[in-house]
Amino acid sequence: DGGKRWKRNFKNFVVESIHSIAVDPNDSRRVYAATIGDGVYRTDDGGNSWRNAGLHGSQAWILSIRP
């Protein structure tokens, strides 16, 4: 729905907080989420499923992200 409604879908991940979100300008179904404490997550299906795309377990605070 173009981001009008959001729901929690990080059921199998321990993510303290999502600090920044970026949508791929070439594919709106690919979204990146920068987290506080567990790196960067990525979805290729518009948010139905997510996977860690880097810095998993590093305790890094990612404050900004661009695709």
PDB file of N, CA and C in Angstrom:
ATOM      1  N   ASP A   1       0.806  -1.195   0.000  1.00  0.00           N
ATOM      2  CA  ASP A   1       0.000   0.000   0.000  1.00  0.00           C
ATOM      3  C   ASP A   1       0.855   1.268   0.000  1.00  0.00           C
ATOM      4  N   GLY A   2       2.094   1.149  -0.491  1.00  0.00           N
ATOM      5  CA  GLY A   2       2.956   2.321  -0.603  1.00  0.00           C
ATOM      6  C   GLY A   2       3.452   2.875   0.715  1.00  0.00           C
ATOM      7  N   GLY A   3       3.459   2.069   1.756  1.00  0.00           N
ATOM      8  CA  GLY A   3       3.960   2.509   3.052  1.00  0.00           C
ATOM      9  C   GLY A   3       2.923   3.164   3.948  1.00  0.00           C
ATOM     10  N   LYS A   4       1.654   3.062   3.591  1.00  0.00           N
ATOM     11  CA  LYS A   4       0.600   3.664   4.415  1.00  0.00           C
ATOM     12  C   LYS A   4       0.432   2.914   5.735  1.00  0.00           C
ATOM     13  N   ARG A   5       0.603   1.589   5.699  1.00  0.00           N
ATOM     14  CA  ARG A   5       0.480   0.774   6.910  1.00  0.00           C
ATOM     15  C   ARG A   5       1.765  -0.006   7.118  1.00  0.00           C
ATOM     16  N   TRP A   6       2.171  -0.133   8.361  1.00  0.00           N
ATOM     17  CA  TRP A   6       3.377  -0.887   8.717  1.00  0.00           C
ATOM     18  C   TRP A   6       3.016  -1.913   9.775  1.00  0.00           C
ATOM     19  N   LYS A   7       3.704  -3.049   9.764  1.00  0.00           N
ATOM     20  CA  LYS A   7       3.532  -4.040  10.817  1.00  0.00           C
ATOM     21  C   LYS A   7       4.883  -4.681  11.094  1.00  0.00           C
ATOM     22  N   ARG A   8       5.048  -5.157  12.296  1.00  0.00           N
ATOM     23  CA  ARG A   8       6.293  -5.809  12.698  1.00  0.00           C
ATOM     24  C   ARG A   8       6.410  -7.136  11.964  1.00  0.00           C
ATOM     25  N   ASN A   9       7.543  -7.355  11.300  1.00  0.00           N
ATOM     26  CA  ASN A   9       7.745  -8.593  10.560  1.00  0.00           C
ATOM     27  C   ASN A   9       9.159  -9.128  10.770  1.00  0.00           C
ATOM     28  N   PHE A  10       9.786  -8.789  11.875  1.00  0.00           N
ATOM     29  CA  PHE A  10      11.124  -9.266  12.219  1.00  0.00           C
ATOM     30  C   PHE A  10      11.000 -10.341  13.298  1.00  0.00           C
ATOM     31  N   LYS A  11      10.129 -11.294  13.102  1.00  0.00           N
ATOM     32  CA  LYS A  11       9.784 -12.273  14.135  1.00  0.00           C
ATOM     33  C   LYS A  11      10.955 -13.128  14.600  1.00  0.00           C
ATOM     34  N   ASN A  12      11.879 -13.473  13.720  1.00  0.00           N
ATOM     35  CA  ASN A  12      12.969 -14.381  14.080  1.00  0.00           C
ATOM     36  C   ASN A  12      14.285 -13.664  14.315  1.00  0.00           C
ATOM     37  N   PHE A  13      14.246 -12.346  14.461  1.00  0.00           N
ATOM     38  CA  PHE A  13      15.470 -11.571  14.643  1.00  0.00           C
ATOM     39  C   PHE A  13      15.384 -10.761  15.923  1.00  0.00           C
ATOM     40  N   VAL A  14      16.527 -10.594  16.557  1.00  0.00           N
ATOM     41  CA  VAL A  14      16.606  -9.752  17.747  1.00  0.00           C
ATOM     42  C   VAL A  14      17.110  -8.391  17.294  1.00  0.00           C
ATOM     43  N   VAL A  15      16.177  -7.491  17.067  1.00  0.00           N
ATOM     44  CA  VAL A  15      16.510  -6.151  16.597  1.00  0.00           C
ATOM     45  C   VAL A  15      15.974  -5.161  17.616  1.00  0.00           C
ATOM     46  N   GLU A  16      16.874  -4.388  18.202  1.00  0.00           N
ATOM     47  CA  GLU A  16      16.469  -3.416  19.218  1.00  0.00           C
ATOM     48  C   GLU A  16      15.626  -2.297  18.613  1.00  0.00           C
ATOM     49  N   SER A  17      16.059  -1.808  17.458  1.00  0.00           N
ATOM     50  CA  SER A  17      15.370  -0.677  16.847  1.00  0.00           C
ATOM     51  C   SER A  17      15.801  -0.542  15.393  1.00  0.00           C
ATOM     52  N   ILE A  18      14.893  -0.087  14.543  1.00  0.00           N
ATOM     53  CA  ILE A  18      15.244   0.253  13.154  1.00  0.00           C
ATOM     54  C   ILE A  18      15.401   1.762  13.107  1.00  0.00           C
ATOM     55  N   HIS A  19      16.563   2.194  12.673  1.00  0.00           N
ATOM     56  CA  HIS A  19      16.874   3.616  12.705  1.00  0.00           C
ATOM     57  C   HIS A  19      16.648   4.309  11.368  1.00  0.00           C
ATOM     58  N   SER A  20      16.850   3.574  10.272  1.00  0.00           N
ATOM     59  CA  SER A  20      16.741   4.189   8.951  1.00  0.00           C
ATOM     60  C   SER A  20      16.271   3.139   7.947  1.00  0.00           C
ATOM     61  N   ILE A  21      15.482   3.574   6.975  1.00  0.00           N
ATOM     62  CA  ILE A  21      14.988   2.684   5.925  1.00  0.00           C
ATOM     63  C   ILE A  21      15.283   3.324   4.580  1.00  0.00           C
ATOM     64  N   ALA A  22      15.705   2.496   3.610  1.00  0.00           N
ATOM     65  CA  ALA A  22      15.951   2.985   2.253  1.00  0.00           C
ATOM     66  C   ALA A  22      15.318   2.027   1.256  1.00  0.00           C
ATOM     67  N   VAL A  23      14.657   2.590   0.260  1.00  0.00           N
ATOM     68  CA  VAL A  23      14.031   1.803  -0.803  1.00  0.00           C
ATOM     69  C   VAL A  23      14.907   1.897  -2.038  1.00  0.00           C
ATOM     70  N   ASP A  24      15.175   0.758  -2.654  1.00  0.00           N
ATOM     71  CA  ASP A  24      15.978   0.723  -3.876  1.00  0.00           C
ATOM     72  C   ASP A  24      15.251   1.512  -4.968  1.00  0.00           C
ATOM     73  N   PRO A  25      15.900   2.509  -5.571  1.00  0.00           N
ATOM     74  CA  PRO A  25      15.223   3.315  -6.591  1.00  0.00           C
ATOM     75  C   PRO A  25      14.888   2.542  -7.864  1.00  0.00           C
ATOM     76  N   ASN A  26      15.527   1.391  -8.073  1.00  0.00           N
ATOM     77  CA  ASN A  26      15.273   0.577  -9.261  1.00  0.00           C
ATOM     78  C   ASN A  26      14.298  -0.566  -9.020  1.00  0.00           C
ATOM     79  N   ASP A  27      13.996  -0.856  -7.747  1.00  0.00           N
ATOM     80  CA  ASP A  27      13.095  -1.953  -7.410  1.00  0.00           C
ATOM     81  C   ASP A  27      12.441  -1.637  -6.064  1.00  0.00           C
ATOM     82  N   SER A  28      11.224  -1.151  -6.074  1.00  0.00           N
ATOM     83  CA  SER A  28      10.566  -0.715  -4.844  1.00  0.00           C
ATOM     84  C   SER A  28      10.259  -1.863  -3.883  1.00  0.00           C
ATOM     85  N   ARG A  29      10.391  -3.103  -4.339  1.00  0.00           N
ATOM     86  CA  ARG A  29      10.186  -4.245  -3.438  1.00  0.00           C
ATOM     87  C   ARG A  29      11.448  -4.550  -2.632  1.00  0.00           C
ATOM     88  N   ARG A  30      12.581  -3.976  -3.018  1.00  0.00           N
ATOM     89  CA  ARG A  30      13.835  -4.172  -2.286  1.00  0.00           C
ATOM     90  C   ARG A  30      14.014  -2.999  -1.324  1.00  0.00           C
ATOM     91  N   VAL A  31      14.023  -3.328  -0.041  1.00  0.00           N
ATOM     92  CA  VAL A  31      14.125  -2.317   1.001  1.00  0.00           C
ATOM     93  C   VAL A  31      15.234  -2.721   1.961  1.00  0.00           C
ATOM     94  N   TYR A  32      15.972  -1.733   2.435  1.00  0.00           N
ATOM     95  CA  TYR A  32      17.040  -1.942   3.408  1.00  0.00           C
ATOM     96  C   TYR A  32      16.651  -1.279   4.720  1.00  0.00           C
ATOM     97  N   ALA A  33      16.934  -1.942   5.829  1.00  0.00           N
ATOM     98  CA  ALA A  33      16.639  -1.399   7.149  1.00  0.00           C
ATOM     99  C   ALA A  33      17.918  -1.387   7.976  1.00  0.00           C
ATOM    100  N   ALA A  34      18.307  -0.208   8.418  1.00  0.00           N
ATOM    101  CA  ALA A  34      19.483  -0.052   9.274  1.00  0.00           C
ATOM    102  C   ALA A  34      19.039  -0.163  10.721  1.00  0.00           C
ATOM    103  N   THR A  35      19.658  -1.064  11.473  1.00  0.00           N
ATOM    104  CA  THR A  35      19.217  -1.315  12.838  1.00  0.00           C
ATOM    105  C   THR A  35      20.193  -0.759  13.865  1.00  0.00           C
ATOM    106  N   ILE A  36      19.702  -0.682  15.063  1.00  0.00           N
ATOM    107  CA  ILE A  36      20.544  -0.372  16.204  1.00  0.00           C
ATOM    108  C   ILE A  36      20.930  -1.712  16.816  1.00  0.00           C
ATOM    109  N   GLY A  37      22.172  -2.106  16.647  1.00  0.00           N
ATOM    110  CA  GLY A  37      22.685  -3.293  17.308  1.00  0.00           C
ATOM    111  C   GLY A  37      22.779  -4.575  16.507  1.00  0.00           C
ATOM    112  N   ASP A  38      22.240  -4.649  15.289  1.00  0.00           N
ATOM    113  CA  ASP A  38      22.356  -5.898  14.534  1.00  0.00           C
ATOM    114  C   ASP A  38      22.535  -5.681  13.035  1.00  0.00           C
ATOM    115  N   GLY A  39      23.181  -4.609  12.653  1.00  0.00           N
ATOM    116  CA  GLY A  39      23.547  -4.411  11.259  1.00  0.00           C
ATOM    117  C   GLY A  39      22.416  -3.988  10.341  1.00  0.00           C
ATOM    118  N   VAL A  40      22.501  -4.467   9.110  1.00  0.00           N
ATOM    119  CA  VAL A  40      21.563  -4.073   8.053  1.00  0.00           C
ATOM    120  C   VAL A  40      20.736  -5.287   7.629  1.00  0.00           C
ATOM    121  N   TYR A  41      19.442  -5.061   7.450  1.00  0.00           N
ATOM    122  CA  TYR A  41      18.552  -6.106   6.951  1.00  0.00           C
ATOM    123  C   TYR A  41      18.033  -5.707   5.581  1.00  0.00           C
ATOM    124  N   ARG A  42      17.655  -6.723   4.802  1.00  0.00           N
ATOM    125  CA  ARG A  42      17.196  -6.485   3.432  1.00  0.00           C
ATOM    126  C   ARG A  42      16.000  -7.384   3.130  1.00  0.00           C
ATOM    127  N   THR A  43      15.055  -6.831   2.393  1.00  0.00           N
ATOM    128  CA  THR A  43      13.943  -7.610   1.858  1.00  0.00           C
ATOM    129  C   THR A  43      13.907  -7.414   0.348  1.00  0.00           C
ATOM    130  N   ASP A  44      13.596  -8.455  -0.370  1.00  0.00           N
ATOM    131  CA  ASP A  44      13.451  -8.379  -1.826  1.00  0.00           C
ATOM    132  C   ASP A  44      12.001  -8.584  -2.249  1.00  0.00           C
ATOM    133  N   ASP A  45      11.117  -8.761  -1.255  1.00  0.00           N
ATOM    134  CA  ASP A  45       9.714  -9.035  -1.574  1.00  0.00           C
ATOM    135  C   ASP A  45       8.763  -8.052  -0.887  1.00  0.00           C
ATOM    136  N   GLY A  46       9.204  -6.822  -0.745  1.00  0.00           N
ATOM    137  CA  GLY A  46       8.343  -5.792  -0.191  1.00  0.00           C
ATOM    138  C   GLY A  46       8.085  -5.906   1.295  1.00  0.00           C
ATOM    139  N   GLY A  47       8.917  -6.633   2.016  1.00  0.00           N
ATOM    140  CA  GLY A  47       8.780  -6.736   3.466  1.00  0.00           C
ATOM    141  C   GLY A  47       8.166  -8.014   3.974  1.00  0.00           C
ATOM    142  N   ASN A  48       7.825  -8.937   3.097  1.00  0.00           N
ATOM    143  CA  ASN A  48       7.262 -10.213   3.551  1.00  0.00           C
ATOM    144  C   ASN A  48       8.293 -11.077   4.250  1.00  0.00           C
ATOM    145  N   SER A  49       9.542 -11.008   3.813  1.00  0.00           N
ATOM    146  CA  SER A  49      10.614 -11.749   4.472  1.00  0.00           C
ATOM    147  C   SER A  49      11.865 -10.877   4.491  1.00  0.00           C
ATOM    148  N   TRP A  50      12.665 -11.040   5.525  1.00  0.00           N
ATOM    149  CA  TRP A  50      13.870 -10.238   5.717  1.00  0.00           C
ATOM    150  C   TRP A  50      15.052 -11.148   5.996  1.00  0.00           C
ATOM    151  N   ARG A  51      16.253 -10.669   5.670  1.00  0.00           N
ATOM    152  CA  ARG A  51      17.488 -11.388   6.015  1.00  0.00           C
ATOM    153  C   ARG A  51      18.550 -10.364   6.360  1.00  0.00           C
ATOM    154  N   ASN A  52      19.489 -10.767   7.196  1.00  0.00           N
ATOM    155  CA  ASN A  52      20.577  -9.867   7.540  1.00  0.00           C
ATOM    156  C   ASN A  52      21.495  -9.740   6.335  1.00  0.00           C
ATOM    157  N   ALA A  53      21.837  -8.517   5.988  1.00  0.00           N
ATOM    158  CA  ALA A  53      22.660  -8.260   4.805  1.00  0.00           C
ATOM    159  C   ALA A  53      24.045  -7.734   5.166  1.00  0.00           C
ATOM    160  N   GLY A  54      24.366  -7.682   6.435  1.00  0.00           N
ATOM    161  CA  GLY A  54      25.699  -7.249   6.825  1.00  0.00           C
ATOM    162  C   GLY A  54      25.765  -6.742   8.249  1.00  0.00           C
ATOM    163  N   LEU A  55      26.926  -6.939   8.858  1.00  0.00           N
ATOM    164  CA  LEU A  55      27.239  -6.508  10.223  1.00  0.00           C
ATOM    165  C   LEU A  55      26.405  -7.208  11.290  1.00  0.00           C
ATOM    166  N   HIS A  56      25.871  -8.395  10.973  1.00  0.00           N
ATOM    167  CA  HIS A  56      25.079  -9.179  11.927  1.00  0.00           C
ATOM    168  C   HIS A  56      25.897  -9.466  13.185  1.00  0.00           C
ATOM    169  N   GLY A  57      25.319  -9.201  14.327  1.00  0.00           N
ATOM    170  CA  GLY A  57      25.966  -9.504  15.599  1.00  0.00           C
ATOM    171  C   GLY A  57      27.091  -8.562  15.982  1.00  0.00           C
ATOM    172  N   SER A  58      27.273  -7.494  15.233  1.00  0.00           N
ATOM    173  CA  SER A  58      28.403  -6.602  15.468  1.00  0.00           C
ATOM    174  C   SER A  58      28.137  -5.559  16.542  1.00  0.00           C
ATOM    175  N   GLN A  59      26.898  -5.434  16.986  1.00  0.00           N
ATOM    176  CA  GLN A  59      26.488  -4.388  17.920  1.00  0.00           C
ATOM    177  C   GLN A  59      26.651  -2.991  17.324  1.00  0.00           C
ATOM    178  N   ALA A  60      26.784  -2.917  16.006  1.00  0.00           N
ATOM    179  CA  ALA A  60      26.938  -1.629  15.325  1.00  0.00           C
ATOM    180  C   ALA A  60      25.625  -0.859  15.326  1.00  0.00           C
ATOM    181  N   TRP A  61      25.723   0.426  15.453  1.00  0.00           N
ATOM    182  CA  TRP A  61      24.571   1.316  15.346  1.00  0.00           C
ATOM    183  C   TRP A  61      24.631   1.958  13.978  1.00  0.00           C
ATOM    184  N   ILE A  62      23.784   1.527  13.068  1.00  0.00           N
ATOM    185  CA  ILE A  62      23.732   2.085  11.723  1.00  0.00           C
ATOM    186  C   ILE A  62      22.730   3.241  11.755  1.00  0.00           C
ATOM    187  N   LEU A  63      23.207   4.433  11.556  1.00  0.00           N
ATOM    188  CA  LEU A  63      22.354   5.609  11.722  1.00  0.00           C
ATOM    189  C   LEU A  63      21.731   6.104  10.419  1.00  0.00           C
ATOM    190  N   SER A  64      22.306   5.713   9.292  1.00  0.00           N
ATOM    191  CA  SER A  64      21.793   6.168   8.007  1.00  0.00           C
ATOM    192  C   SER A  64      22.128   5.125   6.947  1.00  0.00           C
ATOM    193  N   ILE A  65      21.290   5.022   5.945  1.00  0.00           N
ATOM    194  CA  ILE A  65      21.525   4.032   4.895  1.00  0.00           C
ATOM    195  C   ILE A  65      21.002   4.559   3.571  1.00  0.00           C
ATOM    196  N   ARG A  66      21.709   4.212   2.489  1.00  0.00           N
ATOM    197  CA  ARG A  66      21.259   4.518   1.122  1.00  0.00           C
ATOM    198  C   ARG A  66      21.458   3.258   0.297  1.00  0.00           C
ATOM    199  N   PRO A  67      20.523   2.951  -0.588  1.00  0.00           N
ATOM    200  CA  PRO A  67      20.686   1.738  -1.416  1.00  0.00           C
ATOM    201  C   PRO A  67      21.808   1.890  -2.429  1.00  0.00           C
TER     202      PRO A  67
END
